[in-house]
Amino acid sequence: MAGDKETSTKTGSTAEIDPFSPDRMMEIEQVMSAFDRVENSKKPQVFMLHNRGPRYSKVQICGSMDEWGKRHDMQFDSFTNQWYITLHLKLGEEYLYKYIINE
């Protein structure tokens, strides 16, 4: 018939792989462990700055987290009257930072 697809399977020529074999489980654990190490090496950190007086036109944050080489633009939340940004920083590190206002 037109539109029908023919499918076939081979049996006996290849051995089935048991997904729950100890070797397979060890391989899965190694992959997950590597993923977890990368995922857990950084953690989100929220920086907030309250807007005092008239609204600032622009606020950025700069710091030792990237060797003072980049300014990160912050977002303004008109409901809380605060500037904020979330940066993913390495765990166990101490950082210095500063806010750059209206520059």
PDB file of N, CA and C in Angstrom:
ATOM      1  N   MET A   1       0.838  -1.184   0.000  1.00  0.00           N
ATOM      2  CA  MET A   1       0.000   0.000   0.000  1.00  0.00           C
ATOM      3  C   MET A   1       0.877   1.240   0.000  1.00  0.00           C
ATOM      4  N   ALA A   2       0.383   2.284  -0.596  1.00  0.00           N
ATOM      5  CA  ALA A   2       1.123   3.526  -0.616  1.00  0.00           C
ATOM      6  C   ALA A   2       1.099   4.135   0.774  1.00  0.00           C
ATOM      7  N   GLY A   3       2.257   4.650   1.216  1.00  0.00           N
ATOM      8  CA  GLY A   3       2.344   5.295   2.517  1.00  0.00           C
ATOM      9  C   GLY A   3       2.728   4.362   3.639  1.00  0.00           C
ATOM     10  N   ASP A   4       2.652   3.057   3.416  1.00  0.00           N
ATOM     11  CA  ASP A   4       3.070   2.112   4.447  1.00  0.00           C
ATOM     12  C   ASP A   4       4.589   2.063   4.507  1.00  0.00           C
ATOM     13  N   LYS A   5       5.124   1.925   5.699  1.00  0.00           N
ATOM     14  CA  LYS A   5       6.569   1.816   5.876  1.00  0.00           C
ATOM     15  C   LYS A   5       6.918   0.404   6.283  1.00  0.00           C
ATOM     16  N   GLU A   6       7.981  -0.095   5.704  1.00  0.00           N
ATOM     17  CA  GLU A   6       8.416  -1.450   6.023  1.00  0.00           C
ATOM     18  C   GLU A   6       9.462  -1.390   7.127  1.00  0.00           C
ATOM     19  N   THR A   7       9.285  -2.185   8.144  1.00  0.00           N
ATOM     20  CA  THR A   7      10.253  -2.249   9.233  1.00  0.00           C
ATOM     21  C   THR A   7      10.700  -3.682   9.397  1.00  0.00           C
ATOM     22  N   SER A   8      11.943  -3.835   9.803  1.00  0.00           N
ATOM     23  CA  SER A   8      12.448  -5.173  10.050  1.00  0.00           C
ATOM     24  C   SER A   8      13.392  -5.131  11.232  1.00  0.00           C
ATOM     25  N   THR A   9      13.527  -6.261  11.895  1.00  0.00           N
ATOM     26  CA  THR A   9      14.455  -6.366  13.007  1.00  0.00           C
ATOM     27  C   THR A   9      15.309  -7.590  12.802  1.00  0.00           C
ATOM     28  N   LYS A  10      16.544  -7.508  13.256  1.00  0.00           N
ATOM     29  CA  LYS A  10      17.445  -8.645  13.183  1.00  0.00           C
ATOM     30  C   LYS A  10      17.489  -9.291  14.562  1.00  0.00           C
ATOM     31  N   THR A  11      17.422 -10.565  14.606  1.00  0.00           N
ATOM     32  CA  THR A  11      17.507 -11.280  15.879  1.00  0.00           C
ATOM     33  C   THR A  11      18.617 -12.300  15.799  1.00  0.00           C
ATOM     34  N   GLY A  12      19.254 -12.537  16.915  1.00  0.00           N
ATOM     35  CA  GLY A  12      20.277 -13.553  16.985  1.00  0.00           C
ATOM     36  C   GLY A  12      21.653 -13.076  16.567  1.00  0.00           C
ATOM     37  N   SER A  13      21.769 -11.973  15.815  1.00  0.00           N
ATOM     38  CA  SER A  13      23.077 -11.542  15.340  1.00  0.00           C
ATOM     39  C   SER A  13      23.781 -10.632  16.341  1.00  0.00           C
ATOM     40  N   THR A  14      23.056  -9.953  17.172  1.00  0.00           N
ATOM     41  CA  THR A  14      23.672  -9.086  18.184  1.00  0.00           C
ATOM     42  C   THR A  14      23.088  -9.408  19.539  1.00  0.00           C
ATOM     43  N   ALA A  15      23.917  -9.259  20.574  1.00  0.00           N
ATOM     44  CA  ALA A  15      23.461  -9.537  21.937  1.00  0.00           C
ATOM     45  C   ALA A  15      22.760  -8.289  22.481  1.00  0.00           C
ATOM     46  N   GLU A  16      21.717  -8.498  23.243  1.00  0.00           N
ATOM     47  CA  GLU A  16      21.036  -7.375  23.874  1.00  0.00           C
ATOM     48  C   GLU A  16      21.869  -6.867  25.036  1.00  0.00           C
ATOM     49  N   ILE A  17      21.892  -5.549  25.213  1.00  0.00           N
ATOM     50  CA  ILE A  17      22.638  -4.937  26.318  1.00  0.00           C
ATOM     51  C   ILE A  17      21.670  -4.695  27.466  1.00  0.00           C
ATOM     52  N   ASP A  18      22.003  -5.245  28.608  1.00  0.00           N
ATOM     53  CA  ASP A  18      21.173  -5.066  29.797  1.00  0.00           C
ATOM     54  C   ASP A  18      21.427  -3.668  30.360  1.00  0.00           C
ATOM     55  N   PRO A  19      20.416  -2.779  30.345  1.00  0.00           N
ATOM     56  CA  PRO A  19      20.627  -1.417  30.845  1.00  0.00           C
ATOM     57  C   PRO A  19      20.900  -1.365  32.350  1.00  0.00           C
ATOM     58  N   PHE A  20      20.630  -2.469  33.064  1.00  0.00           N
ATOM     59  CA  PHE A  20      20.829  -2.482  34.513  1.00  0.00           C
ATOM     60  C   PHE A  20      22.042  -3.306  34.927  1.00  0.00           C
ATOM     61  N   SER A  21      22.901  -3.623  33.972  1.00  0.00           N
ATOM     62  CA  SER A  21      24.106  -4.378  34.314  1.00  0.00           C
ATOM     63  C   SER A  21      25.028  -3.506  35.157  1.00  0.00           C
ATOM     64  N   PRO A  22      25.856  -4.101  36.016  1.00  0.00           N
ATOM     65  CA  PRO A  22      26.754  -3.302  36.870  1.00  0.00           C
ATOM     66  C   PRO A  22      27.680  -2.385  36.072  1.00  0.00           C
ATOM     67  N   ASP A  23      28.159  -2.865  34.922  1.00  0.00           N
ATOM     68  CA  ASP A  23      29.035  -2.020  34.104  1.00  0.00           C
ATOM     69  C   ASP A  23      28.282  -0.806  33.578  1.00  0.00           C
ATOM     70  N   ARG A  24      27.067  -1.017  33.123  1.00  0.00           N
ATOM     71  CA  ARG A  24      26.244   0.077  32.588  1.00  0.00           C
ATOM     72  C   ARG A  24      25.899   1.069  33.692  1.00  0.00           C
ATOM     73  N   MET A  25      25.562   0.582  34.869  1.00  0.00           N
ATOM     74  CA  MET A  25      25.212   1.462  35.988  1.00  0.00           C
ATOM     75  C   MET A  25      26.415   2.289  36.416  1.00  0.00           C
ATOM     76  N   MET A  26      27.616   1.675  36.419  1.00  0.00           N
ATOM     77  CA  MET A  26      28.813   2.412  36.786  1.00  0.00           C
ATOM     78  C   MET A  26      29.077   3.531  35.772  1.00  0.00           C
ATOM     79  N   GLU A  27      28.860   3.239  34.493  1.00  0.00           N
ATOM     80  CA  GLU A  27      29.049   4.238  33.447  1.00  0.00           C
ATOM     81  C   GLU A  27      28.074   5.400  33.637  1.00  0.00           C
ATOM     82  N   ILE A  28      26.829   5.092  33.962  1.00  0.00           N
ATOM     83  CA  ILE A  28      25.823   6.126  34.196  1.00  0.00           C
ATOM     84  C   ILE A  28      26.213   6.977  35.404  1.00  0.00           C
ATOM     85  N   GLU A  29      26.670   6.344  36.483  1.00  0.00           N
ATOM     86  CA  GLU A  29      27.080   7.089  37.676  1.00  0.00           C
ATOM     87  C   GLU A  29      28.236   8.026  37.371  1.00  0.00           C
ATOM     88  N   GLN A  30      29.183   7.585  36.551  1.00  0.00           N
ATOM     89  CA  GLN A  30      30.315   8.453  36.201  1.00  0.00           C
ATOM     90  C   GLN A  30      29.844   9.653  35.403  1.00  0.00           C
ATOM     91  N   VAL A  31      28.930   9.454  34.476  1.00  0.00           N
ATOM     92  CA  VAL A  31      28.403  10.569  33.685  1.00  0.00           C
ATOM     93  C   VAL A  31      27.656  11.536  34.583  1.00  0.00           C
ATOM     94  N   MET A  32      26.815  11.031  35.455  1.00  0.00           N
ATOM     95  CA  MET A  32      26.048  11.894  36.346  1.00  0.00           C
ATOM     96  C   MET A  32      26.969  12.627  37.321  1.00  0.00           C
ATOM     97  N   SER A  33      27.993  11.957  37.804  1.00  0.00           N
ATOM     98  CA  SER A  33      28.913  12.599  38.733  1.00  0.00           C
ATOM     99  C   SER A  33      29.645  13.745  38.061  1.00  0.00           C
ATOM    100  N   ALA A  34      30.065  13.548  36.824  1.00  0.00           N
ATOM    101  CA  ALA A  34      30.749  14.615  36.099  1.00  0.00           C
ATOM    102  C   ALA A  34      29.803  15.787  35.887  1.00  0.00           C
ATOM    103  N   PHE A  35      28.558  15.511  35.565  1.00  0.00           N
ATOM    104  CA  PHE A  35      27.570  16.570  35.378  1.00  0.00           C
ATOM    105  C   PHE A  35      27.328  17.319  36.684  1.00  0.00           C
ATOM    106  N   ASP A  36      27.176  16.576  37.771  1.00  0.00           N
ATOM    107  CA  ASP A  36      26.928  17.197  39.062  1.00  0.00           C
ATOM    108  C   ASP A  36      28.092  18.077  39.496  1.00  0.00           C
ATOM    109  N   ARG A  37      29.324  17.651  39.229  1.00  0.00           N
ATOM    110  CA  ARG A  37      30.488  18.458  39.606  1.00  0.00           C
ATOM    111  C   ARG A  37      30.452  19.803  38.913  1.00  0.00           C
ATOM    112  N   VAL A  38      30.168  19.814  37.623  1.00  0.00           N
ATOM    113  CA  VAL A  38      30.111  21.070  36.874  1.00  0.00           C
ATOM    114  C   VAL A  38      28.945  21.910  37.358  1.00  0.00           C
ATOM    115  N   GLU A  39      27.785  21.284  37.538  1.00  0.00           N
ATOM    116  CA  GLU A  39      26.590  22.004  37.931  1.00  0.00           C
ATOM    117  C   GLU A  39      26.741  22.628  39.322  1.00  0.00           C
ATOM    118  N   ASN A  40      27.374  21.915  40.241  1.00  0.00           N
ATOM    119  CA  ASN A  40      27.472  22.398  41.610  1.00  0.00           C
ATOM    120  C   ASN A  40      28.684  23.281  41.854  1.00  0.00           C
ATOM    121  N   SER A  41      29.528  23.482  40.866  1.00  0.00           N
ATOM    122  CA  SER A  41      30.708  24.310  41.089  1.00  0.00           C
ATOM    123  C   SER A  41      30.347  25.792  41.105  1.00  0.00           C
ATOM    124  N   LYS A  42      29.182  26.149  40.582  1.00  0.00           N
ATOM    125  CA  LYS A  42      28.724  27.540  40.599  1.00  0.00           C
ATOM    126  C   LYS A  42      27.331  27.610  41.195  1.00  0.00           C
ATOM    127  N   LYS A  43      27.049  28.753  41.803  1.00  0.00           N
ATOM    128  CA  LYS A  43      25.747  28.931  42.430  1.00  0.00           C
ATOM    129  C   LYS A  43      25.222  30.324  42.101  1.00  0.00           C
ATOM    130  N   PRO A  44      23.923  30.469  41.851  1.00  0.00           N
ATOM    131  CA  PRO A  44      23.385  31.796  41.549  1.00  0.00           C
ATOM    132  C   PRO A  44      23.450  32.715  42.769  1.00  0.00           C
ATOM    133  N   GLN A  45      23.881  33.938  42.533  1.00  0.00           N
ATOM    134  CA  GLN A  45      23.948  34.951  43.587  1.00  0.00           C
ATOM    135  C   GLN A  45      23.224  36.192  43.071  1.00  0.00           C
ATOM    136  N   VAL A  46      22.259  36.661  43.837  1.00  0.00           N
ATOM    137  CA  VAL A  46      21.486  37.837  43.447  1.00  0.00           C
ATOM    138  C   VAL A  46      22.089  39.072  44.108  1.00  0.00           C
ATOM    139  N   PHE A  47      22.339  40.095  43.305  1.00  0.00           N
ATOM    140  CA  PHE A  47      22.814  41.387  43.794  1.00  0.00           C
ATOM    141  C   PHE A  47      21.678  42.381  43.623  1.00  0.00           C
ATOM    142  N   MET A  48      21.393  43.158  44.685  1.00  0.00           N
ATOM    143  CA  MET A  48      20.315  44.149  44.628  1.00  0.00           C
ATOM    144  C   MET A  48      20.814  45.481  45.170  1.00  0.00           C
ATOM    145  N   LEU A  49      20.333  46.547  44.543  1.00  0.00           N
ATOM    146  CA  LEU A  49      20.667  47.897  44.974  1.00  0.00           C
ATOM    147  C   LEU A  49      19.389  48.714  44.987  1.00  0.00           C
ATOM    148  N   HIS A  50      19.045  49.247  46.168  1.00  0.00           N
ATOM    149  CA  HIS A  50      17.853  50.078  46.278  1.00  0.00           C
ATOM    150  C   HIS A  50      18.105  51.417  45.600  1.00  0.00           C
ATOM    151  N   ASN A  51      17.152  51.871  44.808  1.00  0.00           N
ATOM    152  CA  ASN A  51      17.252  53.152  44.115  1.00  0.00           C
ATOM    153  C   ASN A  51      16.833  54.276  45.070  1.00  0.00           C
ATOM    154  N   ARG A  52      17.757  55.103  45.453  1.00  0.00           N
ATOM    155  CA  ARG A  52      17.475  56.212  46.378  1.00  0.00           C
ATOM    156  C   ARG A  52      17.273  57.496  45.585  1.00  0.00           C
ATOM    157  N   GLY A  53      16.229  58.237  45.917  1.00  0.00           N
ATOM    158  CA  GLY A  53      15.970  59.493  45.204  1.00  0.00           C
ATOM    159  C   GLY A  53      15.424  59.240  43.808  1.00  0.00           C
ATOM    160  N   PRO A  54      15.704  60.173  42.876  1.00  0.00           N
ATOM    161  CA  PRO A  54      15.232  59.985  41.495  1.00  0.00           C
ATOM    162  C   PRO A  54      15.815  58.700  40.894  1.00  0.00           C
ATOM    163  N   ARG A  55      15.056  58.097  39.995  1.00  0.00           N
ATOM    164  CA  ARG A  55      15.507  56.824  39.403  1.00  0.00           C
ATOM    165  C   ARG A  55      16.798  57.015  38.632  1.00  0.00           C
ATOM    166  N   TYR A  56      17.761  56.127  38.906  1.00  0.00           N
ATOM    167  CA  TYR A  56      19.020  56.131  38.171  1.00  0.00           C
ATOM    168  C   TYR A  56      18.738  55.741  36.728  1.00  0.00           C
ATOM    169  N   SER A  57      19.518  56.274  35.807  1.00  0.00           N
ATOM    170  CA  SER A  57      19.303  55.934  34.401  1.00  0.00           C
ATOM    171  C   SER A  57      19.922  54.580  34.049  1.00  0.00           C
ATOM    172  N   LYS A  58      20.997  54.197  34.748  1.00  0.00           N
ATOM    173  CA  LYS A  58      21.671  52.935  34.447  1.00  0.00           C
ATOM    174  C   LYS A  58      22.495  52.518  35.659  1.00  0.00           C
ATOM    175  N   VAL A  59      22.465  51.225  35.977  1.00  0.00           N
ATOM    176  CA  VAL A  59      23.294  50.681  37.055  1.00  0.00           C
ATOM    177  C   VAL A  59      23.981  49.422  36.526  1.00  0.00           C
ATOM    178  N   GLN A  60      25.266  49.322  36.820  1.00  0.00           N
ATOM    179  CA  GLN A  60      26.049  48.157  36.436  1.00  0.00           C
ATOM    180  C   GLN A  60      26.800  47.654  37.660  1.00  0.00           C
ATOM    181  N   ILE A  61      27.235  46.401  37.596  1.00  0.00           N
ATOM    182  CA  ILE A  61      28.062  45.835  38.652  1.00  0.00           C
ATOM    183  C   ILE A  61      29.345  45.310  38.011  1.00  0.00           C
ATOM    184  N   CYS A  62      30.441  45.512  38.720  1.00  0.00           N
ATOM    185  CA  CYS A  62      31.752  45.081  38.250  1.00  0.00           C
ATOM    186  C   CYS A  62      32.472  44.498  39.462  1.00  0.00           C
ATOM    187  N   GLY A  63      33.299  43.451  39.234  1.00  0.00           N
ATOM    188  CA  GLY A  63      33.956  42.881  40.395  1.00  0.00           C
ATOM    189  C   GLY A  63      35.067  41.907  40.084  1.00  0.00           C
ATOM    190  N   SER A  64      35.603  41.365  41.164  1.00  0.00           N
ATOM    191  CA  SER A  64      36.724  40.435  41.052  1.00  0.00           C
ATOM    192  C   SER A  64      36.281  39.072  40.520  1.00  0.00           C
ATOM    193  N   MET A  65      34.972  38.836  40.398  1.00  0.00           N
ATOM    194  CA  MET A  65      34.480  37.562  39.873  1.00  0.00           C
ATOM    195  C   MET A  65      34.894  37.334  38.426  1.00  0.00           C
ATOM    196  N   ASP A  66      35.184  38.408  37.705  1.00  0.00           N
ATOM    197  CA  ASP A  66      35.701  38.289  36.338  1.00  0.00           C
ATOM    198  C   ASP A  66      36.866  39.249  36.116  1.00  0.00           C
ATOM    199  N   GLU A  67      37.686  39.374  37.174  1.00  0.00           N
ATOM    200  CA  GLU A  67      38.926  40.179  37.128  1.00  0.00           C
ATOM    201  C   GLU A  67      38.671  41.654  36.795  1.00  0.00           C
ATOM    202  N   TRP A  68      37.519  42.193  37.201  1.00  0.00           N
ATOM    203  CA  TRP A  68      37.152  43.590  37.002  1.00  0.00           C
ATOM    204  C   TRP A  68      37.105  43.973  35.518  1.00  0.00           C
ATOM    205  N   GLY A  69      37.016  42.979  34.640  1.00  0.00           N
ATOM    206  CA  GLY A  69      37.095  43.242  33.204  1.00  0.00           C
ATOM    207  C   GLY A  69      35.763  43.456  32.519  1.00  0.00           C
ATOM    208  N   LYS A  70      34.647  43.179  33.194  1.00  0.00           N
ATOM    209  CA  LYS A  70      33.349  43.291  32.537  1.00  0.00           C
ATOM    210  C   LYS A  70      32.362  43.984  33.451  1.00  0.00           C
ATOM    211  N   ARG A  71      31.562  44.848  32.864  1.00  0.00           N
ATOM    212  CA  ARG A  71      30.464  45.482  33.591  1.00  0.00           C
ATOM    213  C   ARG A  71      29.173  44.777  33.216  1.00  0.00           C
ATOM    214  N   HIS A  72      28.441  44.348  34.221  1.00  0.00           N
ATOM    215  CA  HIS A  72      27.172  43.637  34.004  1.00  0.00           C
ATOM    216  C   HIS A  72      26.024  44.609  34.229  1.00  0.00           C
ATOM    217  N   ASP A  73      25.182  44.790  33.212  1.00  0.00           N
ATOM    218  CA  ASP A  73      24.022  45.680  33.342  1.00  0.00           C
ATOM    219  C   ASP A  73      22.988  45.059  34.269  1.00  0.00           C
ATOM    220  N   MET A  74      22.459  45.874  35.153  1.00  0.00           N
ATOM    221  CA  MET A  74      21.446  45.413  36.091  1.00  0.00           C
ATOM    222  C   MET A  74      20.063  45.809  35.582  1.00  0.00           C
ATOM    223  N   GLN A  75      19.046  45.057  35.993  1.00  0.00           N
ATOM    224  CA  GLN A  75      17.655  45.304  35.605  1.00  0.00           C
ATOM    225  C   GLN A  75      16.962  46.079  36.724  1.00  0.00           C
ATOM    226  N   PHE A  76      15.975  46.902  36.346  1.00  0.00           N
ATOM    227  CA  PHE A  76      15.241  47.681  37.338  1.00  0.00           C
ATOM    228  C   PHE A  76      13.860  47.075  37.562  1.00  0.00           C
ATOM    229  N   ASP A  77      13.496  46.925  38.842  1.00  0.00           N
ATOM    230  CA  ASP A  77      12.166  46.457  39.224  1.00  0.00           C
ATOM    231  C   ASP A  77      11.417  47.645  39.813  1.00  0.00           C
ATOM    232  N   SER A  78      10.438  48.170  39.073  1.00  0.00           N
ATOM    233  CA  SER A  78       9.727  49.376  39.517  1.00  0.00           C
ATOM    234  C   SER A  78       8.834  49.108  40.728  1.00  0.00           C
ATOM    235  N   PHE A  79       8.420  47.865  40.931  1.00  0.00           N
ATOM    236  CA  PHE A  79       7.568  47.544  42.072  1.00  0.00           C
ATOM    237  C   PHE A  79       8.347  47.671  43.388  1.00  0.00           C
ATOM    238  N   THR A  80       9.575  47.150  43.424  1.00  0.00           N
ATOM    239  CA  THR A  80      10.388  47.216  44.646  1.00  0.00           C
ATOM    240  C   THR A  80      11.350  48.395  44.637  1.00  0.00           C
ATOM    241  N   ASN A  81      11.433  49.104  43.511  1.00  0.00           N
ATOM    242  CA  ASN A  81      12.332  50.250  43.357  1.00  0.00           C
ATOM    243  C   ASN A  81      13.797  49.831  43.575  1.00  0.00           C
ATOM    244  N   GLN A  82      14.138  48.664  43.005  1.00  0.00           N
ATOM    245  CA  GLN A  82      15.494  48.130  43.162  1.00  0.00           C
ATOM    246  C   GLN A  82      16.061  47.691  41.822  1.00  0.00           C
ATOM    247  N   TRP A  83      17.375  47.773  41.730  1.00  0.00           N
ATOM    248  CA  TRP A  83      18.125  47.221  40.612  1.00  0.00           C
ATOM    249  C   TRP A  83      18.601  45.844  41.039  1.00  0.00           C
ATOM    250  N   TYR A  84      18.613  44.892  40.106  1.00  0.00           N
ATOM    251  CA  TYR A  84      19.014  43.527  40.476  1.00  0.00           C
ATOM    252  C   TYR A  84      19.688  42.823  39.298  1.00  0.00           C
ATOM    253  N   ILE A  85      20.456  41.816  39.644  1.00  0.00           N
ATOM    254  CA  ILE A  85      21.065  40.923  38.663  1.00  0.00           C
ATOM    255  C   ILE A  85      21.410  39.620  39.378  1.00  0.00           C
ATOM    256  N   THR A  86      21.352  38.517  38.649  1.00  0.00           N
ATOM    257  CA  THR A  86      21.769  37.224  39.174  1.00  0.00           C
ATOM    258  C   THR A  86      23.005  36.781  38.410  1.00  0.00           C
ATOM    259  N   LEU A  87      24.083  36.539  39.138  1.00  0.00           N
ATOM    260  CA  LEU A  87      25.329  36.047  38.552  1.00  0.00           C
ATOM    261  C   LEU A  87      25.626  34.678  39.138  1.00  0.00           C
ATOM    262  N   HIS A  88      26.168  33.794  38.323  1.00  0.00           N
ATOM    263  CA  HIS A  88      26.539  32.452  38.781  1.00  0.00           C
ATOM    264  C   HIS A  88      28.015  32.476  39.160  1.00  0.00           C
ATOM    265  N   LEU A  89      28.283  32.320  40.452  1.00  0.00           N
ATOM    266  CA  LEU A  89      29.636  32.454  40.984  1.00  0.00           C
ATOM    267  C   LEU A  89      30.126  31.133  41.564  1.00  0.00           C
ATOM    268  N   LYS A  90      31.439  30.950  41.536  1.00  0.00           N
ATOM    269  CA  LYS A  90      32.051  29.736  42.074  1.00  0.00           C
ATOM    270  C   LYS A  90      31.830  29.656  43.573  1.00  0.00           C
ATOM    271  N   LEU A  91      31.558  28.457  44.039  1.00  0.00           N
ATOM    272  CA  LEU A  91      31.361  28.232  45.472  1.00  0.00           C
ATOM    273  C   LEU A  91      32.676  28.366  46.217  1.00  0.00           C
ATOM    274  N   GLY A  92      32.620  28.875  47.422  1.00  0.00           N
ATOM    275  CA  GLY A  92      33.799  28.945  48.276  1.00  0.00           C
ATOM    276  C   GLY A  92      34.739  30.101  47.979  1.00  0.00           C
ATOM    277  N   GLU A  93      34.401  30.940  47.021  1.00  0.00           N
ATOM    278  CA  GLU A  93      35.244  32.086  46.673  1.00  0.00           C
ATOM    279  C   GLU A  93      34.688  33.348  47.330  1.00  0.00           C
ATOM    280  N   GLU A  94      35.577  34.286  47.605  1.00  0.00           N
ATOM    281  CA  GLU A  94      35.165  35.582  48.122  1.00  0.00           C
ATOM    282  C   GLU A  94      35.433  36.618  47.040  1.00  0.00           C
ATOM    283  N   TYR A  95      34.449  37.490  46.797  1.00  0.00           N
ATOM    284  CA  TYR A  95      34.554  38.461  45.718  1.00  0.00           C
ATOM    285  C   TYR A  95      34.383  39.889  46.231  1.00  0.00           C
ATOM    286  N   LEU A  96      35.076  40.795  45.602  1.00  0.00           N
ATOM    287  CA  LEU A  96      34.869  42.221  45.813  1.00  0.00           C
ATOM    288  C   LEU A  96      34.097  42.740  44.612  1.00  0.00           C
ATOM    289  N   TYR A  97      33.197  43.707  44.846  1.00  0.00           N
ATOM    290  CA  TYR A  97      32.432  44.255  43.733  1.00  0.00           C
ATOM    291  C   TYR A  97      32.044  45.690  44.043  1.00  0.00           C
ATOM    292  N   LYS A  98      31.643  46.392  42.976  1.00  0.00           N
ATOM    293  CA  LYS A  98      31.154  47.760  43.147  1.00  0.00           C
ATOM    294  C   LYS A  98      30.034  48.002  42.148  1.00  0.00           C
ATOM    295  N   TYR A  99      29.180  48.967  42.478  1.00  0.00           N
ATOM    296  CA  TYR A  99      28.111  49.376  41.604  1.00  0.00           C
ATOM    297  C   TYR A  99      28.553  50.622  40.854  1.00  0.00           C
ATOM    298  N   ILE A 100      28.264  50.679  39.562  1.00  0.00           N
ATOM    299  CA  ILE A 100      28.548  51.859  38.753  1.00  0.00           C
ATOM    300  C   ILE A 100      27.189  52.469  38.410  1.00  0.00           C
ATOM    301  N   ILE A 101      26.975  53.707  38.825  1.00  0.00           N
ATOM    302  CA  ILE A 101      25.669  54.349  38.683  1.00  0.00           C
ATOM    303  C   ILE A 101      25.764  55.506  37.698  1.00  0.00           C
ATOM    304  N   ASN A 102      24.820  55.513  36.729  1.00  0.00           N
ATOM    305  CA  ASN A 102      24.669  56.587  35.731  1.00  0.00           C
ATOM    306  C   ASN A 102      25.933  56.881  34.947  1.00  0.00           C
ATOM    307  N   GLU A 103      26.689  55.911  34.631  1.00  0.00           N
ATOM    308  CA  GLU A 103      27.902  56.166  33.840  1.00  0.00           C
ATOM    309  C   GLU A 103      27.764  55.578  32.463  1.00  0.00           C
TER     310      GLU A 103
END
